[in-house]
């Protein structure tokens, strides 16, 4: 019998933080619910924070525009357009720029809080896999 191997796959292999941490931070800074942020509405109340999320997630995670589009239920071209628009808005508005930077810092903080919990869970899963492998070897 072959030993069980576990590969932990999630967005922890990010550059700085996960898309989930970025989403949470953008929601808090821009005072918007997650469902609204990721929803289909296109008023400024939703689009400005959404563009900030596109930008932050693309620049600070390991995700491509395609995977971000899938995460946000959008086409990759929408993500590209949103990133460009966000950069323009950041240049034009100090307030918007400040909010995007606040969301960036908050996402980093959320990621730092999240990682120890993930590492603990990863260790627990590895212990279970090791125990199962030992039991399988003993059966041989």
C-alpha atoms as a PDB file:
ATOM      1  CA  UNK A   1       0.000   0.000   0.000  1.00  0.00           C
ATOM      2  CA  UNK A   2       1.077   3.503  -0.802  1.00  0.00           C
ATOM      3  CA  UNK A   3       1.449   6.129   1.888  1.00  0.00           C
ATOM      4  CA  UNK A   4      -1.037   8.954   1.820  1.00  0.00           C
ATOM      5  CA  UNK A   5       0.427  12.279   0.759  1.00  0.00           C
ATOM      6  CA  UNK A   6      -1.209  15.589   1.514  1.00  0.00           C
ATOM      7  CA  UNK A   7      -0.468  18.731  -0.449  1.00  0.00           C
ATOM      8  CA  UNK A   8      -1.838  21.833   1.169  1.00  0.00           C
ATOM      9  CA  UNK A   9      -3.229  24.027  -1.574  1.00  0.00           C
ATOM     10  CA  UNK A  10      -4.803  27.372  -0.838  1.00  0.00           C
ATOM     11  CA  UNK A  11      -4.041  30.991  -1.385  1.00  0.00           C
ATOM     12  CA  UNK A  12      -1.405  31.044   1.391  1.00  0.00           C
ATOM     13  CA  UNK A  13       1.272  30.861  -1.291  1.00  0.00           C
ATOM     14  CA  UNK A  14       0.559  34.541  -1.805  1.00  0.00           C
ATOM     15  CA  UNK A  15       3.107  37.301  -2.135  1.00  0.00           C
ATOM     16  CA  UNK A  16       1.846  39.260   0.850  1.00  0.00           C
ATOM     17  CA  UNK A  17      -1.704  38.206   1.643  1.00  0.00           C
ATOM     18  CA  UNK A  18      -4.638  36.147   0.420  1.00  0.00           C
ATOM     19  CA  UNK A  19      -7.530  37.305  -1.720  1.00  0.00           C
ATOM     20  CA  UNK A  20      -9.758  36.590   1.298  1.00  0.00           C
ATOM     21  CA  UNK A  21      -7.737  38.984   3.471  1.00  0.00           C
ATOM     22  CA  UNK A  22      -7.854  41.637   0.736  1.00  0.00           C
ATOM     23  CA  UNK A  23     -11.610  41.208   0.385  1.00  0.00           C
ATOM     24  CA  UNK A  24     -12.173  41.542   4.115  1.00  0.00           C
ATOM     25  CA  UNK A  25     -10.005  44.665   4.296  1.00  0.00           C
ATOM     26  CA  UNK A  26     -11.661  46.368   1.307  1.00  0.00           C
ATOM     27  CA  UNK A  27     -15.079  45.663   2.806  1.00  0.00           C
ATOM     28  CA  UNK A  28     -14.073  47.248   6.088  1.00  0.00           C
ATOM     29  CA  UNK A  29     -12.305  50.319   4.685  1.00  0.00           C
ATOM     30  CA  UNK A  30     -14.955  51.075   2.052  1.00  0.00           C
ATOM     31  CA  UNK A  31     -17.850  50.097   4.376  1.00  0.00           C
ATOM     32  CA  UNK A  32     -19.412  47.596   1.997  1.00  0.00           C
ATOM     33  CA  UNK A  33     -20.753  44.077   2.504  1.00  0.00           C
ATOM     34  CA  UNK A  34     -18.877  41.203   0.848  1.00  0.00           C
ATOM     35  CA  UNK A  35     -21.957  40.211  -1.179  1.00  0.00           C
ATOM     36  CA  UNK A  36     -22.241  43.760  -2.535  1.00  0.00           C
ATOM     37  CA  UNK A  37     -18.544  43.927  -3.343  1.00  0.00           C
ATOM     38  CA  UNK A  38     -18.601  40.658  -5.272  1.00  0.00           C
ATOM     39  CA  UNK A  39     -22.119  41.146  -6.652  1.00  0.00           C
ATOM     40  CA  UNK A  40     -23.279  42.354 -10.057  1.00  0.00           C
ATOM     41  CA  UNK A  41     -24.377  45.921  -9.210  1.00  0.00           C
ATOM     42  CA  UNK A  42     -22.357  48.629 -10.928  1.00  0.00           C
ATOM     43  CA  UNK A  43     -23.004  51.829  -9.002  1.00  0.00           C
ATOM     44  CA  UNK A  44     -20.030  53.802  -7.671  1.00  0.00           C
ATOM     45  CA  UNK A  45     -20.761  52.438  -4.181  1.00  0.00           C
ATOM     46  CA  UNK A  46     -19.761  48.989  -5.487  1.00  0.00           C
ATOM     47  CA  UNK A  47     -17.383  49.708  -8.355  1.00  0.00           C
ATOM     48  CA  UNK A  48     -14.808  51.852  -6.550  1.00  0.00           C
ATOM     49  CA  UNK A  49     -14.212  49.270  -3.804  1.00  0.00           C
ATOM     50  CA  UNK A  50     -14.334  46.480  -6.407  1.00  0.00           C
ATOM     51  CA  UNK A  51     -11.585  48.186  -8.437  1.00  0.00           C
ATOM     52  CA  UNK A  52      -9.537  48.553  -5.250  1.00  0.00           C
ATOM     53  CA  UNK A  53      -9.921  44.818  -4.633  1.00  0.00           C
ATOM     54  CA  UNK A  54      -8.860  44.007  -8.206  1.00  0.00           C
ATOM     55  CA  UNK A  55      -5.785  46.165  -7.785  1.00  0.00           C
ATOM     56  CA  UNK A  56      -4.783  44.982  -4.310  1.00  0.00           C
ATOM     57  CA  UNK A  57      -5.395  41.320  -5.031  1.00  0.00           C
ATOM     58  CA  UNK A  58      -3.502  41.423  -8.320  1.00  0.00           C
ATOM     59  CA  UNK A  59      -0.531  43.353  -6.943  1.00  0.00           C
ATOM     60  CA  UNK A  60      -0.231  41.553  -3.590  1.00  0.00           C
ATOM     61  CA  UNK A  61      -1.298  37.952  -4.116  1.00  0.00           C
ATOM     62  CA  UNK A  62      -0.052  35.177  -6.360  1.00  0.00           C
ATOM     63  CA  UNK A  63      -3.296  35.265  -8.376  1.00  0.00           C
ATOM     64  CA  UNK A  64      -3.527  36.021 -12.079  1.00  0.00           C
ATOM     65  CA  UNK A  65      -6.249  38.190 -13.583  1.00  0.00           C
ATOM     66  CA  UNK A  66      -7.962  34.970 -14.665  1.00  0.00           C
ATOM     67  CA  UNK A  67      -8.036  33.419 -11.190  1.00  0.00           C
ATOM     68  CA  UNK A  68      -9.108  36.735  -9.665  1.00  0.00           C
ATOM     69  CA  UNK A  69     -11.890  36.934 -12.219  1.00  0.00           C
ATOM     70  CA  UNK A  70     -13.043  33.461 -11.211  1.00  0.00           C
ATOM     71  CA  UNK A  71     -12.880  34.416  -7.512  1.00  0.00           C
ATOM     72  CA  UNK A  72     -14.948  37.538  -8.149  1.00  0.00           C
ATOM     73  CA  UNK A  73     -17.270  35.986 -10.757  1.00  0.00           C
ATOM     74  CA  UNK A  74     -15.913  38.238 -13.504  1.00  0.00           C
ATOM     75  CA  UNK A  75     -14.033  37.932 -16.770  1.00  0.00           C
ATOM     76  CA  UNK A  76     -10.267  38.525 -16.625  1.00  0.00           C
ATOM     77  CA  UNK A  77     -10.687  41.571 -18.880  1.00  0.00           C
ATOM     78  CA  UNK A  78     -12.937  43.167 -16.250  1.00  0.00           C
ATOM     79  CA  UNK A  79     -10.160  42.665 -13.714  1.00  0.00           C
ATOM     80  CA  UNK A  80      -7.587  44.254 -16.050  1.00  0.00           C
ATOM     81  CA  UNK A  81      -9.873  47.219 -16.722  1.00  0.00           C
ATOM     82  CA  UNK A  82     -10.564  47.606 -12.982  1.00  0.00           C
ATOM     83  CA  UNK A  83      -6.849  47.578 -12.131  1.00  0.00           C
ATOM     84  CA  UNK A  84      -6.143  50.324 -14.681  1.00  0.00           C
ATOM     85  CA  UNK A  85      -9.108  52.370 -13.488  1.00  0.00           C
ATOM     86  CA  UNK A  86      -8.033  51.981  -9.850  1.00  0.00           C
ATOM     87  CA  UNK A  87      -4.543  53.259 -10.652  1.00  0.00           C
ATOM     88  CA  UNK A  88      -6.050  56.288 -12.388  1.00  0.00           C
ATOM     89  CA  UNK A  89      -8.391  56.989  -9.476  1.00  0.00           C
ATOM     90  CA  UNK A  90      -5.490  56.713  -7.020  1.00  0.00           C
ATOM     91  CA  UNK A  91      -3.579  59.347  -9.004  1.00  0.00           C
ATOM     92  CA  UNK A  92      -6.601  61.645  -9.200  1.00  0.00           C
ATOM     93  CA  UNK A  93      -7.924  61.348  -5.646  1.00  0.00           C
ATOM     94  CA  UNK A  94      -5.874  61.487  -2.470  1.00  0.00           C
ATOM     95  CA  UNK A  95      -8.854  60.175  -0.495  1.00  0.00           C
ATOM     96  CA  UNK A  96      -9.273  57.127  -2.743  1.00  0.00           C
ATOM     97  CA  UNK A  97      -5.515  56.540  -2.728  1.00  0.00           C
ATOM     98  CA  UNK A  98      -5.509  56.739   1.071  1.00  0.00           C
ATOM     99  CA  UNK A  99      -8.396  54.247   1.327  1.00  0.00           C
ATOM    100  CA  UNK A 100      -6.647  51.772  -0.979  1.00  0.00           C
ATOM    101  CA  UNK A 101      -3.466  52.050   1.104  1.00  0.00           C
ATOM    102  CA  UNK A 102      -5.479  51.577   4.331  1.00  0.00           C
ATOM    103  CA  UNK A 103      -7.046  48.451   2.845  1.00  0.00           C
ATOM    104  CA  UNK A 104      -3.578  47.191   1.858  1.00  0.00           C
ATOM    105  CA  UNK A 105      -2.240  47.611   5.403  1.00  0.00           C
ATOM    106  CA  UNK A 106      -5.356  46.088   6.924  1.00  0.00           C
ATOM    107  CA  UNK A 107      -5.130  43.081   4.572  1.00  0.00           C
ATOM    108  CA  UNK A 108      -1.542  42.523   5.705  1.00  0.00           C
ATOM    109  CA  UNK A 109      -2.720  42.645   9.325  1.00  0.00           C
ATOM    110  CA  UNK A 110      -5.548  40.171   8.632  1.00  0.00           C
ATOM    111  CA  UNK A 111      -3.119  37.822   6.912  1.00  0.00           C
ATOM    112  CA  UNK A 112      -0.763  37.930   9.895  1.00  0.00           C
ATOM    113  CA  UNK A 113      -3.691  36.988  12.133  1.00  0.00           C
ATOM    114  CA  UNK A 114      -4.811  34.210   9.768  1.00  0.00           C
ATOM    115  CA  UNK A 115      -1.522  32.417   9.156  1.00  0.00           C
ATOM    116  CA  UNK A 116      -0.963  30.964  12.651  1.00  0.00           C
ATOM    117  CA  UNK A 117      -4.427  29.365  12.544  1.00  0.00           C
ATOM    118  CA  UNK A 118      -3.687  27.908   9.142  1.00  0.00           C
ATOM    119  CA  UNK A 119      -0.301  26.585  10.253  1.00  0.00           C
ATOM    120  CA  UNK A 120      -1.917  24.908  13.275  1.00  0.00           C
ATOM    121  CA  UNK A 121      -4.552  23.273  11.064  1.00  0.00           C
ATOM    122  CA  UNK A 122      -1.877  22.156   8.601  1.00  0.00           C
ATOM    123  CA  UNK A 123       0.092  20.528  11.440  1.00  0.00           C
ATOM    124  CA  UNK A 124      -3.032  18.735  12.723  1.00  0.00           C
ATOM    125  CA  UNK A 125      -3.802  17.369   9.252  1.00  0.00           C
ATOM    126  CA  UNK A 126      -0.204  16.195   8.869  1.00  0.00           C
ATOM    127  CA  UNK A 127      -0.400  14.389  12.226  1.00  0.00           C
ATOM    128  CA  UNK A 128      -3.582  12.610  11.109  1.00  0.00           C
ATOM    129  CA  UNK A 129      -1.965  11.579   7.824  1.00  0.00           C
ATOM    130  CA  UNK A 130       1.125  10.291   9.650  1.00  0.00           C
ATOM    131  CA  UNK A 131      -1.080   8.288  12.049  1.00  0.00           C
ATOM    132  CA  UNK A 132      -3.057   6.764   9.165  1.00  0.00           C
ATOM    133  CA  UNK A 133       0.173   5.865   7.343  1.00  0.00           C
ATOM    134  CA  UNK A 134       1.566   4.194  10.487  1.00  0.00           C
ATOM    135  CA  UNK A 135      -1.660   2.202  10.931  1.00  0.00           C
ATOM    136  CA  UNK A 136      -1.539   1.093   7.287  1.00  0.00           C
ATOM    137  CA  UNK A 137       2.077  -0.024   7.674  1.00  0.00           C
ATOM    138  CA  UNK A 138       1.208  -2.013  10.788  1.00  0.00           C
ATOM    139  CA  UNK A 139      -1.501  -3.873   8.842  1.00  0.00           C
ATOM    140  CA  UNK A 140       1.048  -5.175   6.329  1.00  0.00           C
END
